[in-house]
Amino acid sequence: MENPISPPQRQEHFALGMWAAVAAVLSFTVMNVFAKYLSENHSVIEISFYRNVVASIPFLVAIFLFGRREILVIQSKPGGVIGRAVLGVVSLALTFSAFSLMPMAETTVLLFTASLFIPVLGVLFLKEHVGPYRWLAVFVGFAGVGIMVNPTGVVNLLGVAAALSAAFLQAFMSILLRHLGGHERPETVTFYFFVVGAVLTGLALPFVANAPTWEEVPLLLGVGISGAVAQWLYATALKNIPAAVVAVVNFSSIIWAMAFGWLIWNDWPLPIVFVGAAVIIGANVLIVWRENRARSA
């Protein structure tokens, strides 16, 4: 039987996927830049509220104007969907906290440790088999964290704790998604993440809100818009290129983070940070390579 997708079409799909992946990485970085800048005058809870409210608007439009009411339906595992949403709310707040406490580049690298937590959690909760190469990658990756958190004390330890906690929760959410498997629609899981996030942060808003200036309103909206665009681009990338390729492209976020950090805050990583980043990224690449080999075996 002839392949319905011709080589030129496959090339077009790959090109689209690559552009979408690169744009998604840039959009996520822009979201974090907005959040870091706003955190000078606003609570991360308040920033998270605007991010969730604005990002939920496209889903509400799809549901109520285009009749996509199936997005509202949790098919079989409401506890898993709501639980993932709550974890996502906490993880997002911790992520924004880490960016508020540390430079862009250092925070971005520490968030890469989410991939290092996944094999450990997979063994504990899903009884997955993890081979020696992936265990080696986990240990090497966390050694990279130790290199970055150096004895000179230039790294904010509270920021490190926030970044590693956010990465751990991101990994836990990935494990929870595997547990949900094909039982729930991805758009349903994402929609309830935004809704639960808006409700929980909204309840705290009266205690932490600081009235934004007119100059800050576009930035608060920008947090939500850039986050929503990033997730749409990320989904587009995954439809057109392998997840392993998307994962590798994601490491380019360190370049954007360094550029924005230098241009806006005049931050440039110390040499020791480059060493730790190289070790952590190398460990991530090893994990991606081994997982890709395992899937294709």
Protein backbone atom coordinates (compact mmCIF):
# COMPACT_ATOMS: atom_id res chain seq x y z
CA MET A 1 0.00 0.00 0.00
CA GLU A 2 1.29 3.45 -0.87
CA ASN A 3 2.10 5.76 2.03
CA PRO A 4 -0.64 8.44 2.11
CA ILE A 5 1.91 11.04 3.25
CA SER A 6 4.44 11.81 0.54
CA PRO A 7 8.08 12.76 1.36
CA PRO A 8 7.48 16.47 0.59
CA GLN A 9 4.48 16.43 2.92
CA ARG A 10 6.54 14.76 5.64
CA GLN A 11 9.18 17.44 5.21
CA GLU A 12 6.50 20.12 5.52
CA HIS A 13 5.16 18.48 8.68
CA PHE A 14 8.66 18.29 10.16
CA ALA A 15 9.41 21.92 9.30
CA LEU A 16 6.09 23.03 10.81
CA GLY A 17 6.76 20.99 13.93
CA MET A 18 10.26 22.40 14.35
CA TRP A 19 9.10 26.00 13.92
CA ALA A 20 6.25 25.37 16.38
CA ALA A 21 8.65 23.83 18.93
CA VAL A 22 11.09 26.73 18.71
CA ALA A 23 8.26 29.28 18.93
CA ALA A 24 6.76 27.42 21.92
CA VAL A 25 10.08 27.59 23.77
CA LEU A 26 10.33 31.31 23.05
CA SER A 27 6.72 31.90 24.15
CA PHE A 28 7.21 30.05 27.44
CA THR A 29 10.37 32.10 28.06
CA VAL A 30 8.48 35.34 27.35
CA MET A 31 5.80 34.28 29.86
CA ASN A 32 8.49 33.76 32.50
CA VAL A 33 10.09 37.12 31.63
CA PHE A 34 6.75 38.88 32.16
CA ALA A 35 6.24 37.01 35.45
CA LYS A 36 9.73 37.87 36.72
CA TYR A 37 9.33 41.53 35.84
CA LEU A 38 5.88 41.75 37.43
CA SER A 39 7.01 39.94 40.60
CA GLU A 40 8.85 43.10 41.64
CA ASN A 41 5.45 44.65 42.50
CA HIS A 42 2.98 41.75 42.46
CA SER A 43 2.56 38.44 44.26
CA VAL A 44 3.18 35.28 42.23
CA ILE A 45 -0.35 34.24 43.26
CA GLU A 46 -1.76 37.33 41.58
CA ILE A 47 0.36 36.76 38.46
CA SER A 48 -0.77 33.12 38.34
CA PHE A 49 -4.41 34.25 38.56
CA TYR A 50 -4.12 36.44 35.47
CA ARG A 51 -2.20 33.73 33.64
CA ASN A 52 -4.94 31.15 34.28
CA VAL A 53 -7.88 33.46 33.56
CA VAL A 54 -6.51 34.75 30.26
CA ALA A 55 -5.35 31.29 29.13
CA SER A 56 -8.81 29.81 29.80
CA ILE A 57 -10.55 32.26 27.43
CA PRO A 58 -9.85 30.29 24.19
CA PHE A 59 -11.32 27.18 25.83
CA LEU A 60 -14.44 29.07 26.94
CA VAL A 61 -14.86 30.43 23.41
CA ALA A 62 -14.55 26.91 21.98
CA ILE A 63 -17.06 25.54 24.49
CA PHE A 64 -19.78 28.19 24.38
CA LEU A 65 -19.43 29.69 20.89
CA PHE A 66 -18.33 26.65 18.88
CA GLY A 67 -20.22 23.96 20.77
CA ARG A 68 -17.17 22.03 22.01
CA ARG A 69 -18.97 21.01 25.19
CA GLU A 70 -17.18 17.67 25.27
CA ILE A 71 -14.23 19.60 26.73
CA LEU A 72 -16.26 19.95 29.94
CA VAL A 73 -16.76 16.19 30.31
CA ILE A 74 -14.37 14.32 32.62
CA GLN A 75 -14.84 10.79 31.35
CA SER A 76 -13.65 8.46 34.10
CA LYS A 77 -11.04 9.89 36.48
CA PRO A 78 -12.19 13.19 38.01
CA GLY A 79 -9.83 12.78 40.96
CA GLY A 80 -6.84 12.48 38.65
CA VAL A 81 -7.86 15.49 36.56
CA ILE A 82 -8.52 17.74 39.56
CA GLY A 83 -5.44 16.45 41.38
CA ARG A 84 -3.24 17.25 38.41
CA ALA A 85 -4.80 20.72 38.23
CA VAL A 86 -4.01 21.43 41.89
CA LEU A 87 -0.43 20.23 41.44
CA GLY A 88 -0.18 22.45 38.37
CA VAL A 89 -1.32 25.51 40.31
CA VAL A 90 1.32 24.96 43.00
CA SER A 91 4.01 24.17 40.41
CA LEU A 92 3.26 27.35 38.46
CA ALA A 93 3.43 29.50 41.60
CA LEU A 94 6.74 27.88 42.57
CA THR A 95 8.09 28.43 39.05
CA PHE A 96 7.22 32.12 39.13
CA SER A 97 8.70 32.34 42.65
CA ALA A 98 11.96 30.81 41.45
CA PHE A 99 12.19 33.30 38.58
CA SER A 100 11.49 36.16 41.00
CA LEU A 101 14.36 35.06 43.26
CA MET A 102 17.01 34.02 40.74
CA PRO A 103 18.32 35.03 37.31
CA MET A 104 16.55 33.69 34.21
CA ALA A 105 19.30 31.31 33.08
CA GLU A 106 19.92 29.60 36.43
CA THR A 107 16.20 29.09 37.04
CA THR A 108 15.62 27.69 33.56
CA VAL A 109 18.42 25.14 33.96
CA LEU A 110 17.15 23.99 37.36
CA LEU A 111 13.67 23.44 35.91
CA PHE A 112 15.24 20.94 33.49
CA THR A 113 15.58 18.59 36.46
CA ALA A 114 11.93 17.62 35.99
CA SER A 115 13.16 14.99 33.51
CA LEU A 116 15.51 13.63 36.18
CA PHE A 117 12.69 13.15 38.69
CA ILE A 118 10.47 11.26 36.21
CA PRO A 119 12.43 7.95 36.20
CA VAL A 120 12.46 7.91 40.01
CA LEU A 121 8.72 8.58 40.25
CA GLY A 122 8.04 6.08 37.46
CA VAL A 123 9.68 3.34 39.53
CA LEU A 124 7.84 4.33 42.71
CA PHE A 125 4.33 4.82 41.32
CA LEU A 126 4.11 3.02 37.97
CA LYS A 127 6.57 0.18 38.69
CA GLU A 128 8.45 1.08 35.51
CA HIS A 129 11.81 -0.47 34.75
CA VAL A 130 14.66 2.04 34.65
CA GLY A 131 17.91 0.83 33.12
CA PRO A 132 21.44 1.66 34.29
CA TYR A 133 21.93 4.41 31.69
CA ARG A 134 18.94 6.37 32.93
CA TRP A 135 19.95 5.92 36.57
CA LEU A 136 23.40 7.19 35.61
CA ALA A 137 21.78 10.20 33.94
CA VAL A 138 19.75 10.93 37.08
CA PHE A 139 22.80 10.88 39.35
CA VAL A 140 24.92 12.89 36.92
CA GLY A 141 22.14 15.45 36.47
CA PHE A 142 21.77 16.06 40.19
CA ALA A 143 25.54 16.30 40.45
CA GLY A 144 25.17 19.18 37.99
CA VAL A 145 22.73 20.81 40.42
CA GLY A 146 25.37 20.45 43.13
CA ILE A 147 27.90 22.16 40.88
CA MET A 148 25.54 25.08 40.27
CA VAL A 149 24.64 25.46 43.96
CA ASN A 150 28.27 26.18 44.73
CA PRO A 151 29.84 26.97 48.12
CA THR A 152 30.30 30.66 47.28
CA GLY A 153 26.67 31.28 48.16
CA VAL A 154 25.93 33.36 45.05
CA VAL A 155 22.88 31.23 44.25
CA ASN A 156 19.70 32.03 46.18
CA LEU A 157 18.98 28.80 48.09
CA LEU A 158 15.29 29.67 48.51
CA GLY A 159 15.09 30.15 44.74
CA VAL A 160 16.84 26.81 44.20
CA ALA A 161 14.34 25.11 46.52
CA ALA A 162 11.42 26.70 44.64
CA ALA A 163 12.80 25.67 41.24
CA LEU A 164 13.53 22.08 42.29
CA SER A 165 10.11 21.79 43.97
CA ALA A 166 8.43 23.08 40.80
CA ALA A 167 10.42 20.58 38.71
CA PHE A 168 9.43 17.75 41.06
CA LEU A 169 5.75 18.64 40.74
CA GLN A 170 6.07 18.88 36.94
CA ALA A 171 7.50 15.37 36.95
CA PHE A 172 4.71 14.16 39.23
CA MET A 173 2.15 15.66 36.84
CA SER A 174 3.77 13.76 33.96
CA ILE A 175 3.44 10.53 35.94
CA LEU A 176 -0.19 11.37 36.70
CA LEU A 177 -0.84 11.96 32.98
CA ARG A 178 0.55 8.51 32.23
CA HIS A 179 -1.79 7.12 34.87
CA LEU A 180 -4.72 8.91 33.24
CA GLY A 181 -3.56 7.42 29.94
CA GLY A 182 -6.14 7.62 27.18
CA HIS A 183 -9.04 8.01 29.59
CA GLU A 184 -9.26 11.80 29.36
CA ARG A 185 -9.00 14.28 26.51
CA PRO A 186 -5.85 16.44 26.67
CA GLU A 187 -7.92 19.59 26.16
CA THR A 188 -10.15 18.60 29.10
CA VAL A 189 -7.16 18.13 31.39
CA THR A 190 -5.70 21.48 30.30
CA PHE A 191 -9.01 23.33 30.64
CA TYR A 192 -9.56 22.16 34.21
CA PHE A 193 -5.98 23.09 35.07
CA PHE A 194 -6.76 26.69 34.08
CA VAL A 195 -10.17 26.71 35.78
CA VAL A 196 -8.96 25.22 39.06
CA GLY A 197 -5.96 27.53 38.94
CA ALA A 198 -8.15 30.59 38.43
CA VAL A 199 -10.46 29.58 41.29
CA LEU A 200 -7.73 28.76 43.82
CA THR A 201 -5.61 31.83 43.09
CA GLY A 202 -8.76 33.95 42.87
CA LEU A 203 -9.72 32.95 46.42
CA ALA A 204 -6.34 34.20 47.64
CA LEU A 205 -6.45 37.35 45.53
CA PRO A 206 -8.09 39.65 48.16
CA PHE A 207 -5.16 38.99 50.50
CA VAL A 208 -2.28 39.42 48.04
CA ALA A 209 -3.52 41.63 45.21
CA ASN A 210 -1.81 44.88 44.39
CA ALA A 211 -3.69 47.13 41.96
CA PRO A 212 -1.75 47.15 38.67
CA THR A 213 -0.78 50.36 36.95
CA TRP A 214 -1.94 50.96 33.39
CA GLU A 215 1.58 50.14 32.24
CA GLU A 216 1.42 46.76 34.02
CA VAL A 217 -1.95 45.66 32.62
CA PRO A 218 -0.52 44.62 29.21
CA LEU A 219 2.18 42.63 31.01
CA LEU A 220 -0.37 40.80 33.16
CA LEU A 221 -2.38 39.99 30.05
CA GLY A 222 0.86 39.03 28.32
CA VAL A 223 1.57 36.35 30.94
CA GLY A 224 -1.69 34.60 30.04
CA ILE A 225 -1.50 35.18 26.28
CA SER A 226 2.10 33.99 25.93
CA GLY A 227 1.36 30.95 28.11
CA ALA A 228 -1.72 30.02 26.06
CA VAL A 229 0.11 30.52 22.75
CA ALA A 230 3.03 28.45 24.02
CA GLN A 231 0.80 25.52 24.90
CA TRP A 232 -0.94 25.65 21.51
CA LEU A 233 2.43 25.74 19.73
CA TYR A 234 3.72 22.89 21.89
CA ALA A 235 0.70 20.75 20.98
CA THR A 236 1.24 21.60 17.29
CA ALA A 237 4.87 20.55 17.55
CA LEU A 238 3.98 17.20 19.12
CA LYS A 239 1.52 16.49 16.30
CA ASN A 240 4.19 16.95 13.64
CA ILE A 241 7.52 15.79 15.08
CA PRO A 242 8.58 13.12 17.61
CA ALA A 243 8.40 13.98 21.30
CA ALA A 244 12.15 13.28 21.61
CA VAL A 245 12.88 16.04 19.09
CA VAL A 246 10.60 18.45 20.94
CA ALA A 247 12.41 17.61 24.19
CA VAL A 248 15.79 18.41 22.66
CA VAL A 249 14.51 21.68 21.17
CA ASN A 250 13.28 22.62 24.64
CA PHE A 251 16.90 22.90 25.79
CA SER A 252 17.23 25.98 23.58
CA SER A 253 15.25 27.84 26.25
CA ILE A 254 18.54 28.39 28.08
CA ILE A 255 19.69 30.56 25.15
CA TRP A 256 16.54 32.71 25.29
CA ALA A 257 16.75 32.89 29.10
CA MET A 258 20.37 34.07 28.98
CA ALA A 259 19.53 36.66 26.32
CA PHE A 260 16.54 38.12 28.18
CA GLY A 261 18.36 38.00 31.51
CA TRP A 262 21.29 39.95 30.09
CA LEU A 263 19.20 42.46 28.12
CA ILE A 264 16.67 43.28 30.86
CA TRP A 265 18.43 42.61 34.18
CA ASN A 266 22.08 42.67 33.11
CA ASP A 267 22.48 39.13 34.48
CA TRP A 268 25.16 36.88 33.03
CA PRO A 269 25.81 33.41 34.48
CA LEU A 270 29.07 32.67 36.26
CA PRO A 271 31.38 30.06 34.65
CA ILE A 272 30.37 27.50 37.29
CA VAL A 273 26.75 27.84 36.15
CA PHE A 274 27.73 26.98 32.58
CA VAL A 275 29.48 23.84 33.87
CA GLY A 276 26.46 22.76 35.92
CA ALA A 277 24.10 23.56 33.04
CA ALA A 278 26.17 21.44 30.64
CA VAL A 279 26.04 18.49 33.06
CA ILE A 280 22.26 18.79 33.64
CA ILE A 281 21.46 19.20 29.93
CA GLY A 282 23.79 16.32 29.06
CA ALA A 283 21.96 14.10 31.54
CA ASN A 284 18.62 15.13 30.02
CA VAL A 285 19.84 14.32 26.51
CA LEU A 286 20.94 10.87 27.70
CA ILE A 287 17.49 10.22 29.19
CA VAL A 288 15.74 11.36 25.99
CA TRP A 289 18.05 9.18 23.89
CA ARG A 290 17.48 6.07 26.03
CA GLU A 291 13.70 6.58 26.15
CA ASN A 292 13.58 7.05 22.39
CA ARG A 293 15.58 3.85 21.88
CA ALA A 294 13.27 1.98 24.26
CA ARG A 295 10.18 3.10 22.32
CA SER A 296 11.65 2.16 18.95
CA ALA A 297 12.94 -1.23 20.14
